[in-house]
Amino acid sequence: MPDAVRLTSLAHGGGCGCKIAPAVLQDILARMPAAAAFPNLLVGTETSDDAAVWRLNDTQALVATTDFFMPVVDDPFDFGRIAATNALSDIYAMGGKPILALAIVGMPIDKLAPETIGQILAGGASVCAAAGIPVAGGHSIDSVEPIYGLVALGLVHPDRVLKNSAAKPGDVLILTKALGVGVLSAAFKQEKLDDAGYEALIASTTQLNAVGEVLAAQDGVHAMTDVTGFGLLGHALEMARGAGLTAHVDPDGAAILPGVEALARAGVRTGASVRNWASYGASVEAPGDLADWKRDLLCDPQTSGGLLIAVDPAAVERVMALVKGAGFGLATVVGRLGARNGQPLILGI
């Protein structure tokens, strides 16, 4: 039987920090041949949305997504929980209700004991059970690095799909979770994370974004996405570009997870935050006095991050009350959207 090893030692990256850099991904997708038109495909690849949506009938549309990554923590059960929570988030980000999941499993069989792999799958299954859905199958391979995630399917009313591109000028941006997951995961890998920091990391990354389904039925909620591997700035930029608007993001607007500021000021960051800024920094109008650590935090990859919601100003108080009542006590207003006037994303409101 293989000896016990740190899961994170078997992976070159972890969590949503594993994502291909935005600029590289954009270049890859630009080389894809143009897809044929399908009248029932309500959401495809055009605006880098969170999931595909296919109209089934007048009252139902299928939401389909897949998400998987390498370990962000060493505890196998926690790794499974985080990966499953992150995968289901894409369904909620479209305003959908999950109905079932399929497991994606790639494991180095020569390095990990079957019991360890079983714990990863059990962690994912526990999250699916909490979401009220089965893990109804999947696929597994023997791989060099440990990989786990889900194919997730859900349902939404065709008229209630919350695209990331449907925001309107004047909308207020609400973020439901605090920032700093990438910093905490980097500190964990560097063995600089204390028990309180680990607890904050797990609590944030395993909190289901189930409030997204409720938000789809709310008047005044125009657009939504989840903040994951490209960081707050990257996903706000996608929302602004998709809607043909400018996003004004308050550098100090988002809540920060406990212990993150001190770690960030000490230089703890992920390689993905650097790649993110290199990919889209040219599209950001940033103040000259923006500290490096704050810029890194705004680009910090958020594994299983919060929902970024574009809300009519008249509905902000009602939506904030709903979100906080659903258990997102660190939700904050982080910016607003305006008419395109040059740069698609401006730091400072």
Protein backbone atom coordinates (compact mmCIF):
# COMPACT_ATOMS: atom_id res chain seq x y z
CA MET A 1 0.00 0.00 0.00
CA PRO A 2 1.34 3.50 -0.84
CA ASP A 3 2.71 5.53 2.06
CA ALA A 4 0.72 8.51 3.30
CA VAL A 5 1.68 11.69 1.42
CA ARG A 6 0.48 15.29 1.39
CA LEU A 7 -2.08 15.61 -1.38
CA THR A 8 -0.83 19.08 -2.25
CA SER A 9 2.70 17.74 -2.74
CA LEU A 10 1.44 15.67 -5.68
CA ALA A 11 0.09 18.67 -7.62
CA HIS A 12 1.82 21.57 -9.34
CA GLY A 13 -1.17 23.82 -8.54
CA GLY A 14 -4.32 23.69 -6.49
CA GLY A 15 -8.00 24.61 -6.63
CA CYS A 16 -9.12 27.27 -9.08
CA GLY A 17 -5.53 28.52 -9.19
CA CYS A 18 -5.02 25.64 -11.66
CA LYS A 19 -7.02 27.47 -14.31
CA ILE A 20 -5.33 28.40 -17.57
CA ALA A 21 -4.50 32.13 -17.52
CA PRO A 22 -7.31 34.28 -18.99
CA ALA A 23 -5.23 35.60 -21.90
CA VAL A 24 -4.04 32.11 -22.87
CA LEU A 25 -7.56 30.70 -22.62
CA GLN A 26 -8.92 33.54 -24.75
CA ASP A 27 -6.30 32.80 -27.40
CA ILE A 28 -7.15 29.08 -27.38
CA LEU A 29 -10.89 29.68 -27.68
CA ALA A 30 -10.37 32.21 -30.48
CA ARG A 31 -8.96 29.38 -32.59
CA MET A 32 -12.09 27.28 -32.20
CA PRO A 33 -14.20 26.97 -35.37
CA ALA A 34 -17.47 28.88 -35.34
CA ALA A 35 -20.26 26.77 -33.88
CA ALA A 36 -23.46 26.12 -35.75
CA ALA A 37 -26.55 27.95 -34.54
CA PHE A 38 -28.83 25.98 -32.21
CA PRO A 39 -32.07 27.80 -31.36
CA ASN A 40 -32.47 25.97 -28.04
CA LEU A 41 -28.95 26.82 -26.83
CA LEU A 42 -29.70 29.78 -24.57
CA VAL A 43 -26.14 30.13 -23.23
CA GLY A 44 -23.01 28.84 -24.96
CA THR A 45 -19.39 29.98 -25.03
CA GLU A 46 -19.90 33.50 -26.38
CA THR A 47 -19.62 35.44 -23.11
CA SER A 48 -17.50 33.06 -20.98
CA ASP A 49 -20.50 32.29 -18.79
CA ASP A 50 -20.53 29.76 -15.95
CA ALA A 51 -22.51 26.98 -17.61
CA ALA A 52 -24.28 26.00 -20.81
CA VAL A 53 -28.08 26.33 -20.84
CA TRP A 54 -30.35 24.36 -23.19
CA ARG A 55 -34.09 25.04 -23.46
CA LEU A 56 -36.11 21.85 -22.92
CA ASN A 57 -39.59 23.37 -23.09
CA ASP A 58 -41.43 26.57 -22.20
CA THR A 59 -40.85 26.14 -18.45
CA GLN A 60 -37.57 24.22 -18.17
CA ALA A 61 -34.01 24.66 -19.34
CA LEU A 62 -31.11 22.31 -18.62
CA VAL A 63 -28.00 23.85 -17.02
CA ALA A 64 -24.83 21.84 -17.66
CA THR A 65 -21.30 22.40 -16.42
CA THR A 66 -18.13 20.62 -15.40
CA ASP A 67 -15.40 21.67 -12.98
CA PHE A 68 -12.42 19.83 -11.54
CA PHE A 69 -8.99 20.61 -10.14
CA MET A 70 -6.02 19.43 -8.11
CA PRO A 71 -5.88 19.50 -4.29
CA VAL A 72 -5.95 22.79 -2.45
CA VAL A 73 -5.67 21.05 0.96
CA ASP A 74 -4.23 17.75 2.20
CA ASP A 75 -7.26 16.34 3.99
CA PRO A 76 -8.93 14.11 1.36
CA PHE A 77 -12.47 14.57 2.69
CA ASP A 78 -12.08 18.37 2.72
CA PHE A 79 -10.61 18.30 -0.79
CA GLY A 80 -13.66 16.40 -2.03
CA ARG A 81 -16.03 18.83 -0.31
CA ILE A 82 -14.31 21.88 -1.77
CA ALA A 83 -14.21 20.51 -5.31
CA ALA A 84 -17.88 19.50 -5.25
CA THR A 85 -19.02 22.81 -3.75
CA ASN A 86 -17.08 24.66 -6.43
CA ALA A 87 -18.58 22.58 -9.26
CA LEU A 88 -22.17 23.05 -8.08
CA SER A 89 -21.59 26.79 -7.83
CA ASP A 90 -21.81 27.12 -11.61
CA ILE A 91 -25.37 25.80 -11.55
CA TYR A 92 -26.36 28.26 -8.83
CA ALA A 93 -24.58 31.10 -10.65
CA MET A 94 -26.98 30.64 -13.59
CA GLY A 95 -29.95 30.76 -11.22
CA GLY A 96 -30.46 27.01 -11.47
CA LYS A 97 -31.31 24.15 -9.13
CA PRO A 98 -28.93 21.14 -9.28
CA ILE A 99 -30.55 17.79 -10.08
CA LEU A 100 -27.61 15.35 -10.31
CA ALA A 101 -23.85 15.07 -10.59
CA LEU A 102 -21.27 12.77 -12.15
CA ALA A 103 -17.83 12.37 -10.58
CA ILE A 104 -14.60 13.14 -12.47
CA VAL A 105 -11.70 11.23 -10.87
CA GLY A 106 -8.05 11.13 -11.86
CA MET A 107 -5.69 9.67 -9.25
CA PRO A 108 -2.05 8.49 -9.07
CA ILE A 109 -2.88 4.95 -8.01
CA ASP A 110 0.76 4.19 -7.20
CA LYS A 111 0.93 7.04 -4.68
CA LEU A 112 -2.48 7.19 -3.00
CA ALA A 113 -4.15 4.43 -1.00
CA PRO A 114 -7.68 3.39 -2.02
CA GLU A 115 -8.89 4.60 1.38
CA THR A 116 -7.60 8.10 0.64
CA ILE A 117 -9.27 8.20 -2.76
CA GLY A 118 -12.45 6.90 -1.17
CA GLN A 119 -12.40 9.79 1.31
CA ILE A 120 -12.13 12.32 -1.53
CA LEU A 121 -15.19 10.83 -3.20
CA ALA A 122 -17.02 10.67 0.13
CA GLY A 123 -16.37 14.37 0.71
CA GLY A 124 -17.84 15.23 -2.68
CA ALA A 125 -20.83 12.97 -2.09
CA SER A 126 -21.53 14.65 1.25
CA VAL A 127 -21.81 18.04 -0.43
CA CYS A 128 -24.10 16.65 -3.13
CA ALA A 129 -26.27 15.12 -0.41
CA ALA A 130 -26.46 18.53 1.28
CA ALA A 131 -27.56 20.00 -2.06
CA GLY A 132 -30.22 17.29 -2.33
CA ILE A 133 -28.79 15.51 -5.38
CA PRO A 134 -27.18 12.14 -6.14
CA VAL A 135 -23.74 11.40 -7.55
CA ALA A 136 -25.20 9.20 -10.28
CA GLY A 137 -22.01 7.95 -11.91
CA GLY A 138 -18.79 9.30 -13.35
CA HIS A 139 -15.44 8.35 -14.84
CA SER A 140 -12.03 7.59 -13.36
CA ILE A 141 -8.48 7.32 -14.71
CA ASP A 142 -4.99 6.65 -13.36
CA SER A 143 -3.27 10.05 -13.64
CA VAL A 144 0.03 11.62 -12.62
CA GLU A 145 -1.62 14.23 -10.35
CA PRO A 146 -4.76 13.88 -8.22
CA ILE A 147 -7.79 15.45 -9.88
CA TYR A 148 -11.38 15.51 -8.65
CA GLY A 149 -14.53 17.35 -9.63
CA LEU A 150 -18.03 16.98 -10.99
CA VAL A 151 -20.17 17.21 -14.05
CA ALA A 152 -23.21 19.02 -12.66
CA LEU A 153 -26.67 19.26 -14.19
CA GLY A 154 -29.50 21.52 -13.10
CA LEU A 155 -32.80 23.06 -14.13
CA VAL A 156 -33.92 26.66 -14.44
CA HIS A 157 -36.90 28.44 -15.97
CA PRO A 158 -35.82 29.79 -19.38
CA ASP A 159 -37.00 33.28 -18.42
CA ARG A 160 -34.98 33.25 -15.17
CA VAL A 161 -31.53 32.36 -16.49
CA LEU A 162 -29.02 34.75 -14.91
CA LYS A 163 -26.39 35.31 -17.58
CA ASN A 164 -23.17 37.12 -16.73
CA SER A 165 -23.80 39.40 -19.73
CA ALA A 166 -27.26 40.74 -18.85
CA ALA A 167 -26.21 43.57 -16.49
CA LYS A 168 -27.56 47.08 -17.05
CA PRO A 169 -26.01 50.54 -16.66
CA GLY A 170 -26.33 51.72 -13.07
CA ASP A 171 -26.48 48.23 -11.59
CA VAL A 172 -24.82 47.78 -8.20
CA LEU A 173 -22.35 44.91 -7.77
CA ILE A 174 -22.74 42.69 -4.69
CA LEU A 175 -20.20 40.00 -3.74
CA THR A 176 -21.50 37.34 -1.37
CA LYS A 177 -18.21 35.96 0.04
CA ALA A 178 -15.00 37.48 1.35
CA LEU A 179 -11.78 37.43 -0.68
CA GLY A 180 -8.53 35.66 0.18
CA VAL A 181 -8.97 31.96 -0.51
CA GLY A 182 -5.95 31.92 -2.83
CA VAL A 183 -3.75 33.61 -0.24
CA LEU A 184 -4.82 31.16 2.46
CA SER A 185 -4.23 28.18 0.18
CA ALA A 186 -0.77 29.50 -0.73
CA ALA A 187 0.02 29.96 2.96
CA PHE A 188 -1.17 26.41 3.61
CA LYS A 189 1.14 25.00 0.96
CA GLN A 190 4.02 27.03 2.43
CA GLU A 191 3.13 25.72 5.93
CA LYS A 192 2.42 29.27 7.14
CA LEU A 193 -1.31 28.85 7.82
CA ASP A 194 -2.52 28.57 11.42
CA ASP A 195 -5.60 26.65 12.58
CA ALA A 196 -7.87 29.71 12.45
CA GLY A 197 -6.79 30.40 8.87
CA TYR A 198 -7.47 26.81 7.85
CA GLU A 199 -10.93 26.94 9.42
CA ALA A 200 -11.69 30.15 7.52
CA LEU A 201 -10.48 28.55 4.29
CA ILE A 202 -12.67 25.46 4.71
CA ALA A 203 -15.74 27.41 5.87
CA SER A 204 -15.64 29.67 2.82
CA THR A 205 -14.88 27.03 0.19
CA THR A 206 -17.52 24.56 1.39
CA GLN A 207 -20.39 27.05 1.67
CA LEU A 208 -22.84 26.22 -1.12
CA ASN A 209 -23.96 29.16 -3.26
CA ALA A 210 -27.52 27.83 -3.15
CA VAL A 211 -28.90 31.35 -2.74
CA GLY A 212 -28.35 31.72 -6.50
CA GLU A 213 -31.49 29.71 -7.18
CA VAL A 214 -33.50 32.10 -5.00
CA LEU A 215 -31.95 35.16 -6.63
CA ALA A 216 -33.17 34.05 -10.05
CA ALA A 217 -36.75 34.75 -8.95
CA GLN A 218 -35.99 38.24 -7.60
CA ASP A 219 -37.03 41.37 -9.49
CA GLY A 220 -34.09 43.69 -10.02
CA VAL A 221 -31.42 40.95 -10.20
CA HIS A 222 -30.13 41.28 -13.76
CA ALA A 223 -26.90 39.25 -14.01
CA MET A 224 -24.73 36.93 -11.95
CA THR A 225 -21.49 34.98 -12.03
CA ASP A 226 -19.30 33.30 -9.45
CA VAL A 227 -15.86 34.64 -8.62
CA THR A 228 -13.38 31.81 -9.04
CA GLY A 229 -10.00 31.38 -10.73
CA PHE A 230 -9.75 34.77 -12.45
CA GLY A 231 -10.33 36.73 -9.23
CA LEU A 232 -12.78 39.54 -8.55
CA LEU A 233 -11.30 41.79 -11.23
CA GLY A 234 -11.28 39.09 -13.89
CA HIS A 235 -14.88 38.06 -13.39
CA ALA A 236 -16.08 41.68 -13.07
CA LEU A 237 -14.29 42.34 -16.35
CA GLU A 238 -16.09 39.42 -18.03
CA MET A 239 -19.42 40.78 -16.78
CA ALA A 240 -18.64 44.29 -18.04
CA ARG A 241 -17.45 43.12 -21.44
CA GLY A 242 -20.41 40.80 -21.91
CA ALA A 243 -22.87 43.62 -21.24
CA GLY A 244 -20.90 46.29 -23.12
CA LEU A 245 -20.41 48.29 -19.92
CA THR A 246 -17.70 49.61 -17.62
CA ALA A 247 -17.28 48.11 -14.15
CA HIS A 248 -16.27 50.48 -11.36
CA VAL A 249 -14.80 48.28 -8.60
CA ASP A 250 -14.04 49.64 -5.15
CA PRO A 251 -10.58 48.34 -4.16
CA ASP A 252 -11.68 48.35 -0.52
CA GLY A 253 -15.25 47.15 -1.07
CA ALA A 254 -14.93 43.40 -0.57
CA ALA A 255 -14.65 41.77 2.82
CA ILE A 256 -11.38 39.92 3.47
CA LEU A 257 -11.11 36.56 5.18
CA PRO A 258 -9.46 36.54 8.63
CA GLY A 259 -5.65 36.61 8.54
CA VAL A 260 -5.45 37.27 4.79
CA GLU A 261 -4.33 40.90 4.91
CA ALA A 262 -1.34 40.14 7.12
CA LEU A 263 -0.30 37.25 4.88
CA ALA A 264 -0.77 39.30 1.71
CA ARG A 265 1.23 42.21 3.14
CA ALA A 266 3.98 39.70 3.94
CA GLY A 267 4.12 38.69 0.27
CA VAL A 268 2.09 35.47 0.34
CA ARG A 269 0.29 35.11 -2.98
CA THR A 270 -0.45 32.58 -5.69
CA GLY A 271 1.23 32.39 -9.06
CA ALA A 272 -2.27 32.60 -10.55
CA SER A 273 -2.83 36.11 -9.17
CA VAL A 274 0.29 37.25 -11.05
CA ARG A 275 -0.85 35.50 -14.24
CA ASN A 276 -4.31 37.01 -13.89
CA TRP A 277 -2.96 40.57 -13.70
CA ALA A 278 -0.61 39.92 -16.62
CA SER A 279 -3.62 38.72 -18.63
CA TYR A 280 -6.08 41.54 -18.01
CA GLY A 281 -4.21 44.34 -16.23
CA ALA A 282 -4.03 46.36 -19.45
CA SER A 283 -7.84 46.60 -19.36
CA VAL A 284 -7.88 47.99 -15.82
CA GLU A 285 -7.59 51.67 -14.96
CA ALA A 286 -5.96 51.48 -11.54
CA PRO A 287 -4.95 54.32 -9.19
CA GLY A 288 -1.22 54.92 -8.96
CA ASP A 289 -1.21 54.38 -5.20
CA LEU A 290 -2.76 50.91 -5.34
CA ALA A 291 -0.57 48.69 -3.15
CA ASP A 292 0.83 45.54 -4.72
CA TRP A 293 -0.71 43.33 -2.04
CA LYS A 294 -4.16 44.83 -2.65
CA ARG A 295 -3.83 44.35 -6.41
CA ASP A 296 -2.82 40.73 -5.81
CA LEU A 297 -5.85 40.25 -3.58
CA LEU A 298 -8.21 41.65 -6.21
CA CYS A 299 -6.71 39.16 -8.70
CA ASP A 300 -6.59 36.32 -6.14
CA PRO A 301 -8.08 33.07 -7.49
CA GLN A 302 -11.12 32.20 -5.41
CA THR A 303 -11.66 28.47 -5.23
CA SER A 304 -15.40 28.06 -4.64
CA GLY A 305 -15.77 31.84 -4.32
CA GLY A 306 -18.82 34.00 -3.87
CA LEU A 307 -21.51 35.14 -6.28
CA LEU A 308 -21.05 38.49 -8.04
CA ILE A 309 -24.54 39.90 -8.56
CA ALA A 310 -25.59 42.87 -10.72
CA VAL A 311 -28.62 44.44 -9.04
CA ASP A 312 -30.86 47.41 -9.80
CA PRO A 313 -30.11 50.14 -7.21
CA ALA A 314 -33.72 50.08 -5.99
CA ALA A 315 -33.40 46.36 -5.15
CA VAL A 316 -30.04 46.44 -3.36
CA GLU A 317 -31.38 46.61 0.20
CA ARG A 318 -33.84 43.77 -0.42
CA VAL A 319 -31.26 41.57 -2.14
CA MET A 320 -28.63 42.21 0.54
CA ALA A 321 -31.13 41.21 3.23
CA LEU A 322 -31.95 38.02 1.33
CA VAL A 323 -28.29 37.11 0.82
CA LYS A 324 -27.32 37.75 4.43
CA GLY A 325 -30.38 35.87 5.64
CA ALA A 326 -29.15 32.90 3.61
CA GLY A 327 -25.94 32.82 5.65
CA PHE A 328 -23.65 35.10 3.67
CA GLY A 329 -22.88 37.53 6.46
CA LEU A 330 -19.76 38.89 4.73
CA ALA A 331 -21.64 40.01 1.60
CA THR A 332 -20.77 43.56 0.56
CA VAL A 333 -21.33 46.08 -2.22
CA VAL A 334 -18.12 46.08 -4.27
CA GLY A 335 -18.90 48.42 -7.16
CA ARG A 336 -21.28 49.44 -9.90
CA LEU A 337 -21.69 49.25 -13.65
CA GLY A 338 -21.85 52.21 -16.00
CA ALA A 339 -21.94 53.06 -19.68
CA ARG A 340 -18.78 52.18 -21.60
CA ASN A 341 -16.47 55.19 -21.56
CA GLY A 342 -13.05 53.82 -22.40
CA GLN A 343 -11.58 51.18 -20.11
CA PRO A 344 -13.94 48.27 -19.36
CA LEU A 345 -12.87 48.12 -15.71
CA ILE A 346 -11.99 50.98 -13.37
CA LEU A 347 -10.69 50.56 -9.83
CA GLY A 348 -12.33 53.17 -7.65
CA ILE A 349 -15.89 54.45 -7.53
